[in-house]
Amino acid sequence: MSTVPDPTGEADLHAWQILAPLLARDPYLPWTSGSMRPAALVAVCNEVAHGARTRIVECGSGVSTVVLARLLRERGEGAVVSIEHDRHWATLVEGQLRREDLGAIARVVYAPLRGEPPWYDLGDGDRVPTEVDLLVVDGPPAFDPGHDARREPALAWFEDRLVAGATVILDDIDRPGERAVLAAWEQAGDWRFTLDEHAGVARGAIPR
């Protein structure tokens, strides 16, 4: 894993300014302690814009789901599917998308956690796109002690759905658990990740 140095300690403040066109509108977006940091969200939006990503799957739903849907609507193409284990939160996010008339662009798939480590129960997988060019892994929650490996199954589960040239973004890389997940992903296959310390994410691809 290579590292992009953190040039400043004001990454999130700068990110708020960048995100302003996507945030300064009604209705209000409910941010929570589990929401993706503004700097991380900018990194994801940049990948959509610079990489022309149109087939997006997100593990974990929330502010990022709505912002991505707004961005895709502005760009005139693409769709995002967010997988969510919390039924109440899934309903809230779906309501937000509906109020903004974003239902044709973004949808939330409710999938409770099963197994060890706990992973989304997606059944036969027919509710998730078969072709994905951007996978954002910001769930399941992995901050509690003993749950730090919860996100490791993501890459193996989606591997066959990731198209050539796809990108994988893992959030919360400031935590030891996510660093261990990245190491396991790189050891298991051809994926290589670059760390963006100031955004708190890792961006992965298969080198050509």
C-alpha atoms as a PDB file:
ATOM      1  CA  MET A   1       0.000   0.000   0.000  1.00  0.00           C
ATOM      2  CA  SER A   2       1.337   3.415  -0.936  1.00  0.00           C
ATOM      3  CA  THR A   3       0.440   6.548   0.995  1.00  0.00           C
ATOM      4  CA  VAL A   4      -0.714  10.009  -0.070  1.00  0.00           C
ATOM      5  CA  PRO A   5       0.610  12.491   2.552  1.00  0.00           C
ATOM      6  CA  ASP A   6      -1.884  14.589   4.518  1.00  0.00           C
ATOM      7  CA  PRO A   7      -1.016  18.181   3.494  1.00  0.00           C
ATOM      8  CA  THR A   8      -3.200  19.947   6.090  1.00  0.00           C
ATOM      9  CA  GLY A   9      -5.284  19.362   9.183  1.00  0.00           C
ATOM     10  CA  GLU A  10      -8.238  21.173   7.632  1.00  0.00           C
ATOM     11  CA  ALA A  11      -9.350  18.553   5.124  1.00  0.00           C
ATOM     12  CA  ASP A  12     -12.946  18.420   6.294  1.00  0.00           C
ATOM     13  CA  LEU A  13     -13.344  22.200   6.335  1.00  0.00           C
ATOM     14  CA  HIS A  14     -12.097  22.388   2.765  1.00  0.00           C
ATOM     15  CA  ALA A  15     -14.379  19.476   1.861  1.00  0.00           C
ATOM     16  CA  TRP A  16     -17.437  21.352   3.157  1.00  0.00           C
ATOM     17  CA  GLN A  17     -16.660  24.123   0.682  1.00  0.00           C
ATOM     18  CA  ILE A  18     -16.299  21.663  -2.189  1.00  0.00           C
ATOM     19  CA  LEU A  19     -19.538  19.880  -1.281  1.00  0.00           C
ATOM     20  CA  ALA A  20     -21.516  23.112  -0.883  1.00  0.00           C
ATOM     21  CA  PRO A  21     -23.332  22.831  -4.258  1.00  0.00           C
ATOM     22  CA  LEU A  22     -24.585  19.354  -3.300  1.00  0.00           C
ATOM     23  CA  LEU A  23     -25.447  20.231   0.309  1.00  0.00           C
ATOM     24  CA  ALA A  24     -26.884  23.753   0.182  1.00  0.00           C
ATOM     25  CA  ARG A  25     -30.427  22.772  -0.707  1.00  0.00           C
ATOM     26  CA  ASP A  26     -33.592  21.432   0.899  1.00  0.00           C
ATOM     27  CA  PRO A  27     -34.517  19.136   2.497  1.00  0.00           C
ATOM     28  CA  TYR A  28     -32.084  18.954   5.393  1.00  0.00           C
ATOM     29  CA  LEU A  29     -29.679  15.993   5.479  1.00  0.00           C
ATOM     30  CA  PRO A  30     -29.439  14.273   8.892  1.00  0.00           C
ATOM     31  CA  TRP A  31     -25.745  13.705   9.661  1.00  0.00           C
ATOM     32  CA  THR A  32     -24.850  11.149  12.346  1.00  0.00           C
ATOM     33  CA  SER A  33     -21.707   9.944  14.098  1.00  0.00           C
ATOM     34  CA  GLY A  34     -21.566   7.146  11.542  1.00  0.00           C
ATOM     35  CA  SER A  35     -21.768   9.447   8.528  1.00  0.00           C
ATOM     36  CA  MET A  36     -18.846   9.543   6.138  1.00  0.00           C
ATOM     37  CA  ARG A  37     -16.517  12.463   6.826  1.00  0.00           C
ATOM     38  CA  PRO A  38     -16.833  15.358   4.368  1.00  0.00           C
ATOM     39  CA  ALA A  39     -13.288  14.762   3.111  1.00  0.00           C
ATOM     40  CA  ALA A  40     -14.082  11.095   2.511  1.00  0.00           C
ATOM     41  CA  LEU A  41     -17.288  11.997   0.704  1.00  0.00           C
ATOM     42  CA  VAL A  42     -15.342  14.379  -1.553  1.00  0.00           C
ATOM     43  CA  ALA A  43     -12.955  11.520  -2.384  1.00  0.00           C
ATOM     44  CA  VAL A  44     -15.916   9.376  -3.431  1.00  0.00           C
ATOM     45  CA  CYS A  45     -17.533  12.169  -5.452  1.00  0.00           C
ATOM     46  CA  ASN A  46     -14.207  12.839  -7.176  1.00  0.00           C
ATOM     47  CA  GLU A  47     -14.005   9.189  -8.161  1.00  0.00           C
ATOM     48  CA  VAL A  48     -17.493   9.413  -9.664  1.00  0.00           C
ATOM     49  CA  ALA A  49     -16.617  12.557 -11.608  1.00  0.00           C
ATOM     50  CA  HIS A  50     -13.056  11.765 -12.655  1.00  0.00           C
ATOM     51  CA  GLY A  51     -13.643   8.069 -13.272  1.00  0.00           C
ATOM     52  CA  ALA A  52     -17.071   8.522 -14.896  1.00  0.00           C
ATOM     53  CA  ARG A  53     -18.539   5.972 -12.485  1.00  0.00           C
ATOM     54  CA  THR A  54     -22.194   5.151 -13.139  1.00  0.00           C
ATOM     55  CA  ARG A  55     -22.738   1.743 -11.494  1.00  0.00           C
ATOM     56  CA  ILE A  56     -22.208   2.330  -7.801  1.00  0.00           C
ATOM     57  CA  VAL A  57     -22.810   0.092  -4.801  1.00  0.00           C
ATOM     58  CA  GLU A  58     -22.396   1.382  -1.281  1.00  0.00           C
ATOM     59  CA  CYS A  59     -22.138  -0.761   1.848  1.00  0.00           C
ATOM     60  CA  GLY A  60     -23.883   1.405   4.415  1.00  0.00           C
ATOM     61  CA  SER A  61     -26.414   4.135   3.615  1.00  0.00           C
ATOM     62  CA  GLY A  62     -26.966   7.719   4.717  1.00  0.00           C
ATOM     63  CA  VAL A  63     -25.850  11.213   3.751  1.00  0.00           C
ATOM     64  CA  SER A  64     -23.449   9.744   1.198  1.00  0.00           C
ATOM     65  CA  THR A  65     -26.324   7.958  -0.549  1.00  0.00           C
ATOM     66  CA  VAL A  66     -28.278  11.180  -1.024  1.00  0.00           C
ATOM     67  CA  VAL A  67     -25.236  13.222  -2.049  1.00  0.00           C
ATOM     68  CA  LEU A  68     -24.191  10.605  -4.594  1.00  0.00           C
ATOM     69  CA  ALA A  69     -27.723  10.521  -5.992  1.00  0.00           C
ATOM     70  CA  ARG A  70     -27.725  14.316  -6.300  1.00  0.00           C
ATOM     71  CA  LEU A  71     -24.369  14.196  -8.085  1.00  0.00           C
ATOM     72  CA  LEU A  72     -25.528  11.495 -10.505  1.00  0.00           C
ATOM     73  CA  ARG A  73     -28.673  13.490 -11.252  1.00  0.00           C
ATOM     74  CA  GLU A  74     -26.568  16.546 -12.054  1.00  0.00           C
ATOM     75  CA  ARG A  75     -24.356  14.449 -14.324  1.00  0.00           C
ATOM     76  CA  GLY A  76     -27.382  12.979 -16.071  1.00  0.00           C
ATOM     77  CA  GLU A  77     -26.442   9.307 -15.760  1.00  0.00           C
ATOM     78  CA  GLY A  78     -25.790   6.523 -13.290  1.00  0.00           C
ATOM     79  CA  ALA A  79     -27.376   4.823 -10.303  1.00  0.00           C
ATOM     80  CA  VAL A  80     -26.400   3.945  -6.756  1.00  0.00           C
ATOM     81  CA  VAL A  81     -27.566   1.022  -4.624  1.00  0.00           C
ATOM     82  CA  SER A  82     -26.916   1.240  -0.887  1.00  0.00           C
ATOM     83  CA  ILE A  83     -26.995  -1.834   1.334  1.00  0.00           C
ATOM     84  CA  GLU A  84     -28.209  -1.182   4.874  1.00  0.00           C
ATOM     85  CA  HIS A  85     -28.530  -3.548   7.853  1.00  0.00           C
ATOM     86  CA  ASP A  86     -30.643  -1.237  10.028  1.00  0.00           C
ATOM     87  CA  ARG A  87     -34.280  -1.352   8.904  1.00  0.00           C
ATOM     88  CA  HIS A  88     -35.213   1.946  10.597  1.00  0.00           C
ATOM     89  CA  TRP A  89     -32.282   3.797   9.034  1.00  0.00           C
ATOM     90  CA  ALA A  90     -32.994   2.239   5.641  1.00  0.00           C
ATOM     91  CA  THR A  91     -36.542   3.593   5.854  1.00  0.00           C
ATOM     92  CA  LEU A  92     -35.303   7.076   6.758  1.00  0.00           C
ATOM     93  CA  VAL A  93     -32.852   7.185   3.852  1.00  0.00           C
ATOM     94  CA  GLU A  94     -35.479   5.863   1.426  1.00  0.00           C
ATOM     95  CA  GLY A  95     -37.835   8.610   2.631  1.00  0.00           C
ATOM     96  CA  GLN A  96     -35.192  11.248   1.980  1.00  0.00           C
ATOM     97  CA  LEU A  97     -34.631   9.922  -1.539  1.00  0.00           C
ATOM     98  CA  ARG A  98     -38.367   9.895  -2.187  1.00  0.00           C
ATOM     99  CA  ARG A  99     -38.822  13.488  -0.972  1.00  0.00           C
ATOM    100  CA  GLU A 100     -36.109  14.620  -3.366  1.00  0.00           C
ATOM    101  CA  ASP A 101     -37.502  12.571  -6.252  1.00  0.00           C
ATOM    102  CA  LEU A 102     -34.280  10.554  -6.413  1.00  0.00           C
ATOM    103  CA  GLY A 103     -35.887   7.109  -6.339  1.00  0.00           C
ATOM    104  CA  ALA A 104     -35.058   6.415  -9.979  1.00  0.00           C
ATOM    105  CA  ILE A 105     -31.370   7.072  -9.280  1.00  0.00           C
ATOM    106  CA  ALA A 106     -30.790   5.608  -5.818  1.00  0.00           C
ATOM    107  CA  ARG A 107     -32.331   2.836  -3.771  1.00  0.00           C
ATOM    108  CA  VAL A 108     -31.660   1.200  -0.417  1.00  0.00           C
ATOM    109  CA  VAL A 109     -31.511  -2.557  -0.033  1.00  0.00           C
ATOM    110  CA  TYR A 110     -32.320  -3.694   3.515  1.00  0.00           C
ATOM    111  CA  ALA A 111     -30.148  -6.691   4.452  1.00  0.00           C
ATOM    112  CA  PRO A 112     -29.712  -7.767   8.106  1.00  0.00           C
ATOM    113  CA  LEU A 113     -26.345  -9.041   9.289  1.00  0.00           C
ATOM    114  CA  ARG A 114     -25.704 -12.771   9.513  1.00  0.00           C
ATOM    115  CA  GLY A 115     -22.747 -15.067  10.142  1.00  0.00           C
ATOM    116  CA  GLU A 116     -19.262 -14.513  11.545  1.00  0.00           C
ATOM    117  CA  PRO A 117     -17.936 -12.002  10.867  1.00  0.00           C
ATOM    118  CA  PRO A 118     -21.418 -10.524  10.447  1.00  0.00           C
ATOM    119  CA  TRP A 119     -22.133  -9.658   6.819  1.00  0.00           C
ATOM    120  CA  TYR A 120     -25.195  -8.525   4.908  1.00  0.00           C
ATOM    121  CA  ASP A 121     -27.694 -11.296   4.209  1.00  0.00           C
ATOM    122  CA  LEU A 122     -28.362 -10.623   0.525  1.00  0.00           C
ATOM    123  CA  GLY A 123     -29.880 -14.004  -0.260  1.00  0.00           C
ATOM    124  CA  ASP A 124     -29.230 -14.953  -3.867  1.00  0.00           C
ATOM    125  CA  GLY A 125     -27.941 -11.450  -4.590  1.00  0.00           C
ATOM    126  CA  ASP A 126     -30.618 -10.526  -7.124  1.00  0.00           C
ATOM    127  CA  ARG A 127     -31.279  -7.169  -5.401  1.00  0.00           C
ATOM    128  CA  VAL A 128     -27.711  -6.006  -6.063  1.00  0.00           C
ATOM    129  CA  PRO A 129     -26.371  -5.001  -9.508  1.00  0.00           C
ATOM    130  CA  THR A 130     -24.425  -7.636 -11.403  1.00  0.00           C
ATOM    131  CA  GLU A 131     -22.031  -5.019 -12.807  1.00  0.00           C
ATOM    132  CA  VAL A 132     -20.356  -2.505 -10.480  1.00  0.00           C
ATOM    133  CA  ASP A 133     -17.697   0.058 -11.365  1.00  0.00           C
ATOM    134  CA  LEU A 134     -17.444   1.701  -7.926  1.00  0.00           C
ATOM    135  CA  LEU A 135     -17.794  -0.127  -4.609  1.00  0.00           C
ATOM    136  CA  VAL A 136     -17.821   2.066  -1.494  1.00  0.00           C
ATOM    137  CA  VAL A 137     -17.307   0.090   1.718  1.00  0.00           C
ATOM    138  CA  ASP A 138     -18.517   2.126   4.686  1.00  0.00           C
ATOM    139  CA  GLY A 139     -20.384  -0.670   6.438  1.00  0.00           C
ATOM    140  CA  PRO A 140     -21.255  -2.721   8.325  1.00  0.00           C
ATOM    141  CA  PRO A 141     -20.354  -0.752  11.478  1.00  0.00           C
ATOM    142  CA  ALA A 142     -16.928  -1.925  12.635  1.00  0.00           C
ATOM    143  CA  PHE A 143     -15.986   0.433  15.462  1.00  0.00           C
ATOM    144  CA  ASP A 144     -16.974  -1.734  18.455  1.00  0.00           C
ATOM    145  CA  PRO A 145     -14.321  -3.998  20.039  1.00  0.00           C
ATOM    146  CA  GLY A 146     -14.310  -7.419  18.411  1.00  0.00           C
ATOM    147  CA  HIS A 147     -16.099  -6.187  15.277  1.00  0.00           C
ATOM    148  CA  ASP A 148     -13.075  -4.790  13.441  1.00  0.00           C
ATOM    149  CA  ALA A 149     -13.145  -7.473  10.705  1.00  0.00           C
ATOM    150  CA  ARG A 150     -16.776  -6.918   9.720  1.00  0.00           C
ATOM    151  CA  ARG A 151     -15.946  -5.298   6.376  1.00  0.00           C
ATOM    152  CA  GLU A 152     -13.494  -7.916   5.169  1.00  0.00           C
ATOM    153  CA  PRO A 153     -16.102 -10.032   3.275  1.00  0.00           C
ATOM    154  CA  ALA A 154     -16.970  -7.106   0.981  1.00  0.00           C
ATOM    155  CA  LEU A 155     -14.312  -7.630  -1.670  1.00  0.00           C
ATOM    156  CA  ALA A 156     -14.807 -11.381  -1.993  1.00  0.00           C
ATOM    157  CA  TRP A 157     -18.596 -11.005  -2.168  1.00  0.00           C
ATOM    158  CA  PHE A 158     -18.469  -8.394  -4.924  1.00  0.00           C
ATOM    159  CA  GLU A 159     -15.395  -9.639  -6.794  1.00  0.00           C
ATOM    160  CA  ASP A 160     -17.361 -11.277  -9.608  1.00  0.00           C
ATOM    161  CA  ARG A 161     -19.545  -8.166 -10.015  1.00  0.00           C
ATOM    162  CA  LEU A 162     -16.698  -5.650 -10.273  1.00  0.00           C
ATOM    163  CA  VAL A 163     -16.145  -4.788 -13.925  1.00  0.00           C
ATOM    164  CA  ALA A 164     -12.715  -4.306 -15.498  1.00  0.00           C
ATOM    165  CA  GLY A 165     -11.259  -1.014 -14.281  1.00  0.00           C
ATOM    166  CA  ALA A 166     -13.533  -0.836 -11.224  1.00  0.00           C
ATOM    167  CA  THR A 167     -12.506   1.019  -8.079  1.00  0.00           C
ATOM    168  CA  VAL A 168     -13.047   0.019  -4.442  1.00  0.00           C
ATOM    169  CA  ILE A 169     -13.034   2.660  -1.705  1.00  0.00           C
ATOM    170  CA  LEU A 170     -12.761   1.668   1.969  1.00  0.00           C
ATOM    171  CA  ASP A 171     -13.641   4.271   4.605  1.00  0.00           C
ATOM    172  CA  ASP A 172     -12.279   4.706   8.159  1.00  0.00           C
ATOM    173  CA  ILE A 173      -8.698   3.647   7.442  1.00  0.00           C
ATOM    174  CA  ASP A 174      -7.545   5.457  10.580  1.00  0.00           C
ATOM    175  CA  ARG A 175      -8.688   2.376  12.517  1.00  0.00           C
ATOM    176  CA  PRO A 176      -6.481  -0.714  12.946  1.00  0.00           C
ATOM    177  CA  GLY A 177      -9.309  -3.016  11.848  1.00  0.00           C
ATOM    178  CA  GLU A 178      -9.628  -1.366   8.444  1.00  0.00           C
ATOM    179  CA  ARG A 179      -5.851  -1.475   7.973  1.00  0.00           C
ATOM    180  CA  ALA A 180      -5.977  -5.213   8.672  1.00  0.00           C
ATOM    181  CA  VAL A 181      -8.828  -5.566   6.156  1.00  0.00           C
ATOM    182  CA  LEU A 182      -6.754  -3.801   3.496  1.00  0.00           C
ATOM    183  CA  ALA A 183      -3.776  -6.044   4.196  1.00  0.00           C
ATOM    184  CA  ALA A 184      -5.975  -9.134   3.885  1.00  0.00           C
ATOM    185  CA  TRP A 185      -7.450  -7.895   0.599  1.00  0.00           C
ATOM    186  CA  GLU A 186      -4.031  -7.265  -0.906  1.00  0.00           C
ATOM    187  CA  GLN A 187      -2.677 -10.593   0.299  1.00  0.00           C
ATOM    188  CA  ALA A 188      -5.639 -12.515  -1.103  1.00  0.00           C
ATOM    189  CA  GLY A 189      -5.529 -11.188  -4.669  1.00  0.00           C
ATOM    190  CA  ASP A 190      -4.359  -8.621  -7.193  1.00  0.00           C
ATOM    191  CA  TRP A 191      -5.997  -5.549  -5.639  1.00  0.00           C
ATOM    192  CA  ARG A 192      -3.670  -2.750  -4.548  1.00  0.00           C
ATOM    193  CA  PHE A 193      -4.721   0.222  -2.416  1.00  0.00           C
ATOM    194  CA  THR A 194      -3.519   3.791  -2.056  1.00  0.00           C
ATOM    195  CA  LEU A 195      -4.099   5.442   1.309  1.00  0.00           C
ATOM    196  CA  ASP A 196      -5.533   8.953   1.389  1.00  0.00           C
ATOM    197  CA  GLU A 197      -4.798   9.839   5.003  1.00  0.00           C
ATOM    198  CA  HIS A 198      -6.405  13.293   5.016  1.00  0.00           C
ATOM    199  CA  ALA A 199      -9.700  11.862   3.696  1.00  0.00           C
ATOM    200  CA  GLY A 200      -9.492   8.713   5.800  1.00  0.00           C
ATOM    201  CA  VAL A 201     -10.094   6.387   2.833  1.00  0.00           C
ATOM    202  CA  ALA A 202      -8.198   3.887   0.719  1.00  0.00           C
ATOM    203  CA  ARG A 203      -8.704   3.660  -3.039  1.00  0.00           C
ATOM    204  CA  GLY A 204      -8.109   0.277  -4.640  1.00  0.00           C
ATOM    205  CA  ALA A 205      -7.809  -1.066  -8.155  1.00  0.00           C
ATOM    206  CA  ILE A 206      -6.240  -3.968 -10.007  1.00  0.00           C
ATOM    207  CA  PRO A 207      -3.070  -2.659 -11.713  1.00  0.00           C
ATOM    208  CA  ARG A 208      -3.162  -2.973 -15.475  1.00  0.00           C
END
